[in-house]
């Protein structure tokens, strides 16, 4: 069960990263 929860956490982090990148690209904010 620990491995499953870790995999879910990794996928959530990856999903949030993609959302953040999409938001930044939409608002045209340069890093």
N, C-alpha and C. Protein backbone atom coordinates (compact mmCIF):
# COMPACT_ATOMS: atom_id res chain seq x y z
N UNK A 1 0.83 -1.21 0.00
CA UNK A 1 0.00 0.00 0.00
C UNK A 1 0.87 1.26 0.00
N UNK A 2 2.03 1.19 0.63
CA UNK A 2 2.90 2.37 0.65
C UNK A 2 3.36 2.71 -0.77
N UNK A 3 3.69 1.68 -1.54
CA UNK A 3 4.13 1.94 -2.91
C UNK A 3 3.00 2.58 -3.72
N UNK A 4 1.76 2.11 -3.50
CA UNK A 4 0.63 2.69 -4.24
C UNK A 4 0.46 4.16 -3.89
N UNK A 5 0.53 4.48 -2.61
CA UNK A 5 0.35 5.87 -2.19
C UNK A 5 1.48 6.74 -2.75
N UNK A 6 2.70 6.18 -2.82
CA UNK A 6 3.82 6.94 -3.38
C UNK A 6 3.58 7.21 -4.86
N UNK A 7 3.09 6.21 -5.58
CA UNK A 7 2.82 6.38 -7.01
C UNK A 7 1.74 7.45 -7.21
N UNK A 8 0.72 7.43 -6.36
CA UNK A 8 -0.35 8.44 -6.46
C UNK A 8 0.22 9.82 -6.19
N UNK A 9 1.09 9.94 -5.19
CA UNK A 9 1.70 11.23 -4.88
C UNK A 9 2.54 11.72 -6.06
N UNK A 10 3.31 10.83 -6.67
CA UNK A 10 4.14 11.21 -7.82
C UNK A 10 3.28 11.71 -8.97
N UNK A 11 2.17 11.00 -9.24
CA UNK A 11 1.31 11.40 -10.35
C UNK A 11 0.66 12.75 -10.04
N UNK A 12 0.30 12.97 -8.77
CA UNK A 12 -0.30 14.26 -8.39
C UNK A 12 0.70 15.39 -8.56
N UNK A 13 1.94 15.16 -8.15
CA UNK A 13 2.98 16.18 -8.31
C UNK A 13 3.20 16.48 -9.79
N UNK A 14 3.26 15.43 -10.61
CA UNK A 14 3.45 15.61 -12.05
C UNK A 14 2.29 16.39 -12.65
N UNK A 15 1.06 16.06 -12.22
CA UNK A 15 -0.13 16.74 -12.73
C UNK A 15 -0.11 18.22 -12.34
N UNK A 16 0.22 18.51 -11.10
CA UNK A 16 0.27 19.91 -10.65
C UNK A 16 1.37 20.68 -11.39
N UNK A 17 2.49 20.01 -11.66
CA UNK A 17 3.57 20.65 -12.41
C UNK A 17 3.09 21.02 -13.81
N UNK A 18 2.40 20.10 -14.47
CA UNK A 18 1.89 20.37 -15.82
C UNK A 18 0.90 21.53 -15.79
N UNK A 19 0.03 21.55 -14.78
CA UNK A 19 -0.95 22.65 -14.67
C UNK A 19 -0.23 23.98 -14.47
N UNK A 20 0.78 23.99 -13.61
CA UNK A 20 1.51 25.24 -13.36
C UNK A 20 2.20 25.73 -14.63
N UNK A 21 2.83 24.81 -15.37
CA UNK A 21 3.51 25.20 -16.61
C UNK A 21 2.51 25.75 -17.61
N UNK A 22 1.33 25.10 -17.70
CA UNK A 22 0.30 25.57 -18.63
C UNK A 22 -0.17 26.96 -18.24
N UNK A 23 -0.37 27.19 -16.94
CA UNK A 23 -0.82 28.50 -16.47
C UNK A 23 0.22 29.57 -16.80
N UNK A 24 1.48 29.28 -16.55
CA UNK A 24 2.53 30.25 -16.84
C UNK A 24 2.61 30.55 -18.33
N UNK A 25 2.50 29.53 -19.16
CA UNK A 25 2.58 29.75 -20.61
C UNK A 25 1.37 30.54 -21.09
N UNK A 26 0.20 30.30 -20.47
CA UNK A 26 -1.00 31.04 -20.87
C UNK A 26 -0.86 32.52 -20.54
N UNK A 27 -0.28 32.83 -19.38
CA UNK A 27 -0.14 34.22 -18.97
C UNK A 27 1.12 34.87 -19.55
N UNK A 28 1.89 34.09 -20.33
CA UNK A 28 3.09 34.63 -20.98
C UNK A 28 4.06 35.24 -19.97
N UNK A 29 4.27 34.54 -18.85
CA UNK A 29 5.24 35.02 -17.87
C UNK A 29 6.60 34.40 -18.15
N UNK A 30 7.60 35.24 -18.34
CA UNK A 30 8.94 34.73 -18.63
C UNK A 30 9.67 34.40 -17.34
N UNK A 31 10.37 33.30 -17.33
CA UNK A 31 11.11 32.92 -16.13
C UNK A 31 12.44 33.66 -16.06
